[in-house]
Amino acid sequence: MRGFVGEHLGAREAILVVDETGDLKKGTANVGVQRQYTGTTGRVENSQVAVLLGYATTSGHALIDRELYLPASWTEHPDRCAGAGVPPTTGFATKPQLAARMIDRALEAGVPARWVTADEVYRAHHGLPTATEHHGLGDVPAAARDHRITTGARAIRADELTTHLPANVGQRLSAGAGANG
């Protein structure tokens, strides 16, 4: 699929989009299931969480990769992993580390891209920023309002910094028809 998307939608200025989704589950037998935060419901639920890599250009967008997040509550119990068919070589990786692996795979496969965007959780941890820098990609991260940004003079909260910008430097754009963000 990644090759097909790169061939038919490929563009130098493409954006790699890192996001995650959660699938609510009952029980504890499904691989990766535990009580964890999922954006699907906006709270902690019994769920599986997958990290996704999308590809967006002016010609269209598509999903090009995915990784199932395997919490430490799984990787620290080899018998549980073996019983669920998880290979013994699978170790714990943070969500940003999973995202970095997918970015590496896409670029190594020749998928053209110039930008990466992701939620603030992916920016707050090592892994993803290193991957974007390593590949020379620009990044447009989401930032929490209390994220501190170092300017030439001092460190300032993101929400405070935006109040000092002239009105003509920003532009509000729709995320799409029916979107809430």
C-alpha atoms as a PDB file:
ATOM      1  CA  MET A   1       0.000   0.000   0.000  1.00  0.00           C
ATOM      2  CA  ARG A   2       2.843   2.366   0.886  1.00  0.00           C
ATOM      3  CA  GLY A   3       4.360   1.882  -2.588  1.00  0.00           C
ATOM      4  CA  PHE A   4       1.015   2.402  -4.315  1.00  0.00           C
ATOM      5  CA  VAL A   5       0.368   5.603  -2.367  1.00  0.00           C
ATOM      6  CA  GLY A   6       3.883   6.904  -3.037  1.00  0.00           C
ATOM      7  CA  GLU A   7       3.486   6.198  -6.749  1.00  0.00           C
ATOM      8  CA  HIS A   8       0.004   7.701  -7.149  1.00  0.00           C
ATOM      9  CA  LEU A   9      -0.059  10.477  -4.555  1.00  0.00           C
ATOM     10  CA  GLY A  10       3.669  11.075  -4.080  1.00  0.00           C
ATOM     11  CA  ALA A  11       4.751  14.690  -3.816  1.00  0.00           C
ATOM     12  CA  ARG A  12       7.920  16.329  -2.532  1.00  0.00           C
ATOM     13  CA  GLU A  13       5.889  18.588  -0.215  1.00  0.00           C
ATOM     14  CA  ALA A  14       3.820  15.712   1.239  1.00  0.00           C
ATOM     15  CA  ILE A  15       3.005  15.546   4.931  1.00  0.00           C
ATOM     16  CA  LEU A  16       3.450  12.449   7.080  1.00  0.00           C
ATOM     17  CA  VAL A  17       0.699  12.504   9.703  1.00  0.00           C
ATOM     18  CA  VAL A  18       1.215  10.623  12.980  1.00  0.00           C
ATOM     19  CA  ASP A  19      -1.916   9.838  14.960  1.00  0.00           C
ATOM     20  CA  GLU A  20      -3.348   7.064  17.059  1.00  0.00           C
ATOM     21  CA  THR A  21      -6.643   5.329  17.527  1.00  0.00           C
ATOM     22  CA  GLY A  22      -8.035   3.143  20.257  1.00  0.00           C
ATOM     23  CA  ASP A  23     -10.332   0.151  19.980  1.00  0.00           C
ATOM     24  CA  LEU A  24     -12.430  -0.557  23.049  1.00  0.00           C
ATOM     25  CA  LYS A  25     -12.129  -4.162  24.221  1.00  0.00           C
ATOM     26  CA  LYS A  26     -13.659  -6.402  26.844  1.00  0.00           C
ATOM     27  CA  GLY A  27     -11.417  -8.808  28.692  1.00  0.00           C
ATOM     28  CA  THR A  28      -7.629  -8.970  28.687  1.00  0.00           C
ATOM     29  CA  ALA A  29      -6.745 -11.583  26.043  1.00  0.00           C
ATOM     30  CA  ASN A  30      -6.415  -9.309  22.991  1.00  0.00           C
ATOM     31  CA  VAL A  31      -2.797  -8.297  22.368  1.00  0.00           C
ATOM     32  CA  GLY A  32      -1.956  -4.958  23.968  1.00  0.00           C
ATOM     33  CA  VAL A  33      -5.210  -4.563  25.856  1.00  0.00           C
ATOM     34  CA  GLN A  34      -5.089  -2.734  29.142  1.00  0.00           C
ATOM     35  CA  ARG A  35      -6.831   0.182  30.822  1.00  0.00           C
ATOM     36  CA  GLN A  36      -5.293   3.168  29.046  1.00  0.00           C
ATOM     37  CA  TYR A  37      -6.225   6.557  27.676  1.00  0.00           C
ATOM     38  CA  THR A  38      -7.850   6.455  24.276  1.00  0.00           C
ATOM     39  CA  GLY A  39      -8.838   9.480  22.246  1.00  0.00           C
ATOM     40  CA  THR A  40     -11.748   7.437  20.920  1.00  0.00           C
ATOM     41  CA  THR A  41     -13.609   8.128  24.158  1.00  0.00           C
ATOM     42  CA  GLY A  42     -11.415  10.843  25.644  1.00  0.00           C
ATOM     43  CA  ARG A  43     -10.794   8.879  28.827  1.00  0.00           C
ATOM     44  CA  VAL A  44      -9.133   5.764  30.261  1.00  0.00           C
ATOM     45  CA  GLU A  45     -10.829   2.593  29.012  1.00  0.00           C
ATOM     46  CA  ASN A  46      -9.974  -1.059  28.468  1.00  0.00           C
ATOM     47  CA  SER A  47      -8.574  -0.813  24.935  1.00  0.00           C
ATOM     48  CA  GLN A  48      -5.943  -1.538  22.324  1.00  0.00           C
ATOM     49  CA  VAL A  49      -4.126   1.485  20.902  1.00  0.00           C
ATOM     50  CA  ALA A  50      -2.533   1.651  17.469  1.00  0.00           C
ATOM     51  CA  VAL A  51      -0.160   4.321  16.185  1.00  0.00           C
ATOM     52  CA  LEU A  52      -0.901   5.250  12.571  1.00  0.00           C
ATOM     53  CA  LEU A  53       1.080   6.952   9.807  1.00  0.00           C
ATOM     54  CA  GLY A  54      -0.912   8.814   7.191  1.00  0.00           C
ATOM     55  CA  TYR A  55       0.275  10.455   3.987  1.00  0.00           C
ATOM     56  CA  ALA A  56      -1.293  13.693   2.749  1.00  0.00           C
ATOM     57  CA  THR A  57      -0.783  15.672  -0.445  1.00  0.00           C
ATOM     58  CA  THR A  58      -2.886  18.035  -2.525  1.00  0.00           C
ATOM     59  CA  SER A  59      -3.863  14.969  -4.588  1.00  0.00           C
ATOM     60  CA  GLY A  60      -5.290  12.996  -1.662  1.00  0.00           C
ATOM     61  CA  HIS A  61      -4.474  11.176   1.540  1.00  0.00           C
ATOM     62  CA  ALA A  62      -4.125   7.587   2.720  1.00  0.00           C
ATOM     63  CA  LEU A  63      -2.961   5.425   5.599  1.00  0.00           C
ATOM     64  CA  ILE A  64       0.500   3.992   4.835  1.00  0.00           C
ATOM     65  CA  ASP A  65       1.596   2.233   8.035  1.00  0.00           C
ATOM     66  CA  ARG A  66       0.506   1.181  11.517  1.00  0.00           C
ATOM     67  CA  GLU A  67       1.992  -0.266  14.701  1.00  0.00           C
ATOM     68  CA  LEU A  68       0.114  -1.798  17.618  1.00  0.00           C
ATOM     69  CA  TYR A  69       1.216  -0.224  20.902  1.00  0.00           C
ATOM     70  CA  LEU A  70       2.280  -2.994  23.262  1.00  0.00           C
ATOM     71  CA  PRO A  71       2.301  -1.644  26.846  1.00  0.00           C
ATOM     72  CA  ALA A  72       4.923  -2.645  29.389  1.00  0.00           C
ATOM     73  CA  SER A  73       2.171  -4.596  31.183  1.00  0.00           C
ATOM     74  CA  TRP A  74       2.498  -6.989  28.238  1.00  0.00           C
ATOM     75  CA  THR A  75       6.213  -6.889  27.406  1.00  0.00           C
ATOM     76  CA  GLU A  76       7.156  -7.511  31.039  1.00  0.00           C
ATOM     77  CA  HIS A  77       5.254 -10.840  30.948  1.00  0.00           C
ATOM     78  CA  PRO A  78       6.749 -13.137  28.285  1.00  0.00           C
ATOM     79  CA  ASP A  79       4.281 -15.960  29.043  1.00  0.00           C
ATOM     80  CA  ARG A  80       1.343 -13.639  28.384  1.00  0.00           C
ATOM     81  CA  CYS A  81       2.923 -12.490  25.101  1.00  0.00           C
ATOM     82  CA  ALA A  82       3.672 -16.071  24.024  1.00  0.00           C
ATOM     83  CA  GLY A  83       0.093 -17.108  24.773  1.00  0.00           C
ATOM     84  CA  ALA A  84      -1.185 -14.330  22.517  1.00  0.00           C
ATOM     85  CA  GLY A  85       1.259 -15.121  19.695  1.00  0.00           C
ATOM     86  CA  VAL A  86       3.539 -12.119  20.206  1.00  0.00           C
ATOM     87  CA  PRO A  87       7.047 -12.937  18.924  1.00  0.00           C
ATOM     88  CA  PRO A  88       9.579 -13.278  21.776  1.00  0.00           C
ATOM     89  CA  THR A  89      11.797 -10.598  20.200  1.00  0.00           C
ATOM     90  CA  THR A  90       9.087  -7.942  20.594  1.00  0.00           C
ATOM     91  CA  GLY A  91      10.034  -5.466  23.291  1.00  0.00           C
ATOM     92  CA  PHE A  92       8.490  -2.350  24.725  1.00  0.00           C
ATOM     93  CA  ALA A  93       8.511   0.787  22.551  1.00  0.00           C
ATOM     94  CA  THR A  94       6.938   4.137  23.301  1.00  0.00           C
ATOM     95  CA  LYS A  95       4.373   5.561  20.883  1.00  0.00           C
ATOM     96  CA  PRO A  96       6.890   8.162  19.601  1.00  0.00           C
ATOM     97  CA  GLN A  97       9.407   5.349  19.001  1.00  0.00           C
ATOM     98  CA  LEU A  98       6.773   3.446  17.002  1.00  0.00           C
ATOM     99  CA  ALA A  99       6.069   6.595  14.978  1.00  0.00           C
ATOM    100  CA  ALA A 100       9.787   7.090  14.296  1.00  0.00           C
ATOM    101  CA  ARG A 101      10.068   3.487  13.016  1.00  0.00           C
ATOM    102  CA  MET A 102       7.187   4.059  10.608  1.00  0.00           C
ATOM    103  CA  ILE A 103       8.688   7.317   9.334  1.00  0.00           C
ATOM    104  CA  ASP A 104      12.011   5.541   8.779  1.00  0.00           C
ATOM    105  CA  ARG A 105      10.281   2.724   6.867  1.00  0.00           C
ATOM    106  CA  ALA A 106       8.348   5.130   4.643  1.00  0.00           C
ATOM    107  CA  LEU A 107      11.364   7.231   3.730  1.00  0.00           C
ATOM    108  CA  GLU A 108      13.628   4.200   3.252  1.00  0.00           C
ATOM    109  CA  ALA A 109      10.984   2.823   0.851  1.00  0.00           C
ATOM    110  CA  GLY A 110      11.297   6.005  -1.213  1.00  0.00           C
ATOM    111  CA  VAL A 111       8.030   7.682  -0.220  1.00  0.00           C
ATOM    112  CA  PRO A 112       8.631  11.414  -0.783  1.00  0.00           C
ATOM    113  CA  ALA A 113       7.765  13.766   2.080  1.00  0.00           C
ATOM    114  CA  ARG A 114       8.832  17.130   3.423  1.00  0.00           C
ATOM    115  CA  TRP A 115       6.817  17.526   6.634  1.00  0.00           C
ATOM    116  CA  VAL A 116       5.666  15.578   9.698  1.00  0.00           C
ATOM    117  CA  THR A 117       2.837  16.531  12.010  1.00  0.00           C
ATOM    118  CA  ALA A 118       1.701  14.885  15.238  1.00  0.00           C
ATOM    119  CA  ASP A 119      -0.115  15.446  18.534  1.00  0.00           C
ATOM    120  CA  GLU A 120       1.777  17.040  21.398  1.00  0.00           C
ATOM    121  CA  VAL A 121       2.338  13.662  23.113  1.00  0.00           C
ATOM    122  CA  TYR A 122       4.658  12.714  20.232  1.00  0.00           C
ATOM    123  CA  ARG A 123       6.669  15.915  20.575  1.00  0.00           C
ATOM    124  CA  ALA A 124       7.132  15.636  24.328  1.00  0.00           C
ATOM    125  CA  HIS A 125       9.258  12.483  24.152  1.00  0.00           C
ATOM    126  CA  HIS A 126      12.485  11.553  22.446  1.00  0.00           C
ATOM    127  CA  GLY A 127      12.180   9.483  19.317  1.00  0.00           C
ATOM    128  CA  LEU A 128      10.000  11.408  16.902  1.00  0.00           C
ATOM    129  CA  PRO A 129      11.921  14.718  16.944  1.00  0.00           C
ATOM    130  CA  THR A 130      15.148  12.786  16.386  1.00  0.00           C
ATOM    131  CA  ALA A 131      13.639  10.947  13.397  1.00  0.00           C
ATOM    132  CA  THR A 132      12.424  14.134  11.741  1.00  0.00           C
ATOM    133  CA  GLU A 133      15.790  15.848  12.243  1.00  0.00           C
ATOM    134  CA  HIS A 134      17.694  12.773  10.994  1.00  0.00           C
ATOM    135  CA  HIS A 135      15.747  12.798   7.728  1.00  0.00           C
ATOM    136  CA  GLY A 136      15.810  16.578   7.306  1.00  0.00           C
ATOM    137  CA  LEU A 137      12.031  16.826   7.541  1.00  0.00           C
ATOM    138  CA  GLY A 138      10.251  19.930   8.730  1.00  0.00           C
ATOM    139  CA  ASP A 139       7.780  19.365  11.488  1.00  0.00           C
ATOM    140  CA  VAL A 140       4.578  21.071  12.503  1.00  0.00           C
ATOM    141  CA  PRO A 141       3.869  19.697  15.960  1.00  0.00           C
ATOM    142  CA  ALA A 142       0.823  20.353  18.041  1.00  0.00           C
ATOM    143  CA  ALA A 143       1.776  21.971  21.321  1.00  0.00           C
ATOM    144  CA  ALA A 144      -0.018  22.079  24.629  1.00  0.00           C
ATOM    145  CA  ARG A 145      -0.935  25.607  25.684  1.00  0.00           C
ATOM    146  CA  ASP A 146       1.450  25.354  28.652  1.00  0.00           C
ATOM    147  CA  HIS A 147       4.378  24.197  26.454  1.00  0.00           C
ATOM    148  CA  ARG A 148       7.336  26.527  26.986  1.00  0.00           C
ATOM    149  CA  ILE A 149       8.945  28.012  23.889  1.00  0.00           C
ATOM    150  CA  THR A 150      12.381  29.574  24.118  1.00  0.00           C
ATOM    151  CA  THR A 151      12.550  32.884  22.281  1.00  0.00           C
ATOM    152  CA  GLY A 152      15.591  35.116  21.889  1.00  0.00           C
ATOM    153  CA  ALA A 153      14.770  36.811  25.178  1.00  0.00           C
ATOM    154  CA  ARG A 154      13.142  34.171  27.411  1.00  0.00           C
ATOM    155  CA  ALA A 155      11.027  31.066  27.680  1.00  0.00           C
ATOM    156  CA  ILE A 156       7.295  31.740  27.361  1.00  0.00           C
ATOM    157  CA  ARG A 157       4.155  29.603  27.360  1.00  0.00           C
ATOM    158  CA  ALA A 158       2.743  28.885  23.894  1.00  0.00           C
ATOM    159  CA  ASP A 159      -0.629  30.445  24.728  1.00  0.00           C
ATOM    160  CA  GLU A 160       1.077  33.596  26.014  1.00  0.00           C
ATOM    161  CA  LEU A 161       3.286  33.853  22.939  1.00  0.00           C
ATOM    162  CA  THR A 162       0.315  33.793  20.583  1.00  0.00           C
ATOM    163  CA  THR A 163      -1.269  36.799  22.351  1.00  0.00           C
ATOM    164  CA  HIS A 164       1.778  38.895  21.389  1.00  0.00           C
ATOM    165  CA  LEU A 165       1.592  38.107  17.670  1.00  0.00           C
ATOM    166  CA  PRO A 166       0.136  40.645  15.232  1.00  0.00           C
ATOM    167  CA  ALA A 167      -3.392  39.760  14.044  1.00  0.00           C
ATOM    168  CA  ASN A 168      -2.265  39.384  10.423  1.00  0.00           C
ATOM    169  CA  VAL A 169       0.309  36.587  11.017  1.00  0.00           C
ATOM    170  CA  GLY A 170      -2.170  33.804  11.654  1.00  0.00           C
ATOM    171  CA  GLN A 171      -4.921  32.241   9.624  1.00  0.00           C
ATOM    172  CA  ARG A 172      -7.753  30.037  10.884  1.00  0.00           C
ATOM    173  CA  LEU A 173      -8.380  27.075   8.585  1.00  0.00           C
ATOM    174  CA  SER A 174     -11.083  24.428   8.640  1.00  0.00           C
ATOM    175  CA  ALA A 175     -10.056  20.831   9.293  1.00  0.00           C
ATOM    176  CA  GLY A 176     -12.806  19.782   6.885  1.00  0.00           C
ATOM    177  CA  ALA A 177     -16.551  19.650   6.496  1.00  0.00           C
ATOM    178  CA  GLY A 178     -18.159  18.536   9.736  1.00  0.00           C
ATOM    179  CA  ALA A 179     -14.849  18.599  11.635  1.00  0.00           C
ATOM    180  CA  ASN A 180     -14.816  19.742  15.246  1.00  0.00           C
ATOM    181  CA  GLY A 181     -11.199  20.895  15.329  1.00  0.00           C
END
